[in-house]
C-alpha atoms as a PDB file:
ATOM      1  CA  MET A   1      31.254   2.300   2.293  1.00  0.00           C
ATOM      2  CA  ARG A   2      29.804   4.260  -0.565  1.00  0.00           C
ATOM      3  CA  ILE A   3      27.173   1.564  -1.200  1.00  0.00           C
ATOM      4  CA  GLU A   4      25.763   1.932   2.316  1.00  0.00           C
ATOM      5  CA  ALA A   5      25.400   5.683   1.833  1.00  0.00           C
ATOM      6  CA  VAL A   6      23.562   5.129  -1.454  1.00  0.00           C
ATOM      7  CA  LYS A   7      21.258   2.565   0.191  1.00  0.00           C
ATOM      8  CA  LYS A   8      20.381   4.971   2.985  1.00  0.00           C
ATOM      9  CA  ARG A   9      19.734   7.769   0.503  1.00  0.00           C
ATOM     10  CA  ILE A  10      17.457   5.526  -1.602  1.00  0.00           C
ATOM     11  CA  ILE A  11      15.489   4.430   1.464  1.00  0.00           C
ATOM     12  CA  LEU A  12      15.104   8.035   2.595  1.00  0.00           C
ATOM     13  CA  LEU A  13      13.953   9.220  -0.838  1.00  0.00           C
ATOM     14  CA  THR A  14      11.524   6.317  -1.146  1.00  0.00           C
ATOM     15  CA  ALA A  15      10.044   7.056   2.280  1.00  0.00           C
ATOM     16  CA  LEU A  16       9.665  10.723   1.355  1.00  0.00           C
ATOM     17  CA  GLY A  17       7.980   9.795  -1.930  1.00  0.00           C
ATOM     18  CA  VAL A  18       5.538   7.436  -0.231  1.00  0.00           C
ATOM     19  CA  GLY A  19       4.811  10.024   2.446  1.00  0.00           C
ATOM     20  CA  ALA A  20       4.171  12.690  -0.183  1.00  0.00           C
ATOM     21  CA  SER A  21       1.823  10.469  -2.181  1.00  0.00           C
ATOM     22  CA  VAL A  22      -0.152   9.557   0.938  1.00  0.00           C
ATOM     23  CA  ALA A  23      -0.260  13.210   1.999  1.00  0.00           C
ATOM     24  CA  VAL A  24      -1.706  14.207  -1.376  1.00  0.00           C
ATOM     25  CA  SER A  25      -4.178  11.375  -1.895  1.00  0.00           C
ATOM     26  CA  GLY A  26      -4.969  10.447   1.712  1.00  0.00           C
ATOM     27  CA  MET A  27      -6.129   7.041   2.841  1.00  0.00           C
ATOM     28  CA  ILE A  28      -6.702   5.758  -0.679  1.00  0.00           C
ATOM     29  CA  GLY A  29      -3.036   6.268  -1.536  1.00  0.00           C
ATOM     30  CA  PHE A  30      -1.971   4.372   1.565  1.00  0.00           C
ATOM     31  CA  VAL A  31      -4.375   1.511   0.868  1.00  0.00           C
ATOM     32  CA  GLY A  32      -3.264   1.373  -2.755  1.00  0.00           C
ATOM     33  CA  LEU A  33       0.342   0.979  -1.655  1.00  0.00           C
ATOM     34  CA  ILE A  34      -0.076  -1.429   1.258  1.00  0.00           C
ATOM     35  CA  VAL A  35      -2.938  -3.789   0.356  1.00  0.00           C
ATOM     36  CA  PRO A  36      -1.249  -5.500  -2.630  1.00  0.00           C
ATOM     37  CA  HIS A  37       1.776  -6.273  -0.461  1.00  0.00           C
ATOM     38  CA  ILE A  38      -0.382  -7.755   2.288  1.00  0.00           C
ATOM     39  CA  VAL A  39      -2.299  -9.881  -0.211  1.00  0.00           C
ATOM     40  CA  ARG A  40       0.922 -11.054  -1.861  1.00  0.00           C
ATOM     41  CA  LEU A  41       2.268 -12.180   1.513  1.00  0.00           C
ATOM     42  CA  THR A  42      -0.885 -14.157   2.282  1.00  0.00           C
ATOM     43  CA  LEU A  43      -1.844 -15.579  -1.137  1.00  0.00           C
ATOM     44  CA  GLY A  44       1.458 -15.688  -2.977  1.00  0.00           C
ATOM     45  CA  PRO A  45       2.578 -14.165  -6.285  1.00  0.00           C
ATOM     46  CA  ASP A  46      -0.049 -15.738  -8.587  1.00  0.00           C
ATOM     47  CA  HIS A  47      -1.706 -12.794 -10.347  1.00  0.00           C
ATOM     48  CA  ARG A  48      -4.896 -14.741 -11.050  1.00  0.00           C
ATOM     49  CA  TYR A  49      -5.666 -14.471  -7.338  1.00  0.00           C
ATOM     50  CA  LEU A  50      -3.581 -11.426  -6.431  1.00  0.00           C
ATOM     51  CA  LEU A  51      -5.405  -8.827  -8.528  1.00  0.00           C
ATOM     52  CA  PRO A  52      -8.995  -9.703  -7.545  1.00  0.00           C
ATOM     53  CA  ALA A  53      -8.054 -10.201  -3.895  1.00  0.00           C
ATOM     54  CA  SER A  54      -6.225  -6.854  -3.824  1.00  0.00           C
ATOM     55  CA  ALA A  55      -9.251  -5.102  -5.291  1.00  0.00           C
ATOM     56  CA  LEU A  56     -11.617  -6.782  -2.829  1.00  0.00           C
ATOM     57  CA  LEU A  57      -9.450  -6.140   0.232  1.00  0.00           C
ATOM     58  CA  GLY A  58      -8.794  -2.562  -0.867  1.00  0.00           C
ATOM     59  CA  HIS A  59     -12.506  -1.957  -1.246  1.00  0.00           C
ATOM     60  CA  CYS A  60     -13.298  -3.489   2.130  1.00  0.00           C
ATOM     61  CA  SER A  61     -10.562  -1.586   3.925  1.00  0.00           C
ATOM     62  CA  CYS A  62     -11.771   1.743   2.506  1.00  0.00           C
ATOM     63  CA  SER A  63     -15.545   1.407   2.489  1.00  0.00           C
ATOM     64  CA  VAL A  64     -16.299  -0.714   5.552  1.00  0.00           C
ATOM     65  CA  PRO A  65     -14.836   1.703   8.148  1.00  0.00           C
ATOM     66  CA  ILE A  66     -16.578   4.607   6.422  1.00  0.00           C
ATOM     67  CA  CYS A  67     -20.023   3.064   5.764  1.00  0.00           C
ATOM     68  CA  TRP A  68     -20.672   1.049   8.915  1.00  0.00           C
ATOM     69  CA  PRO A  69     -20.483   3.846  11.504  1.00  0.00           C
ATOM     70  CA  GLY A  70     -22.940   5.905   9.489  1.00  0.00           C
ATOM     71  CA  ARG A  71     -25.617   3.227   9.609  1.00  0.00           C
END
């Protein structure tokens, strides 16, 4: 029983921490947290591909929606 309470408390504190970091840094904080997980799910855990693909997808997801409407 006590383990379930600890799990719920950890999940709540983690969600609050992620929410606070996104609130402070905005969209870049959200992209920095989510994009590596999406890339890992699609490409796998090999860091030779994971790091460059995360950087590329993070760049595209931040700059494309901002730059294209202005043109």
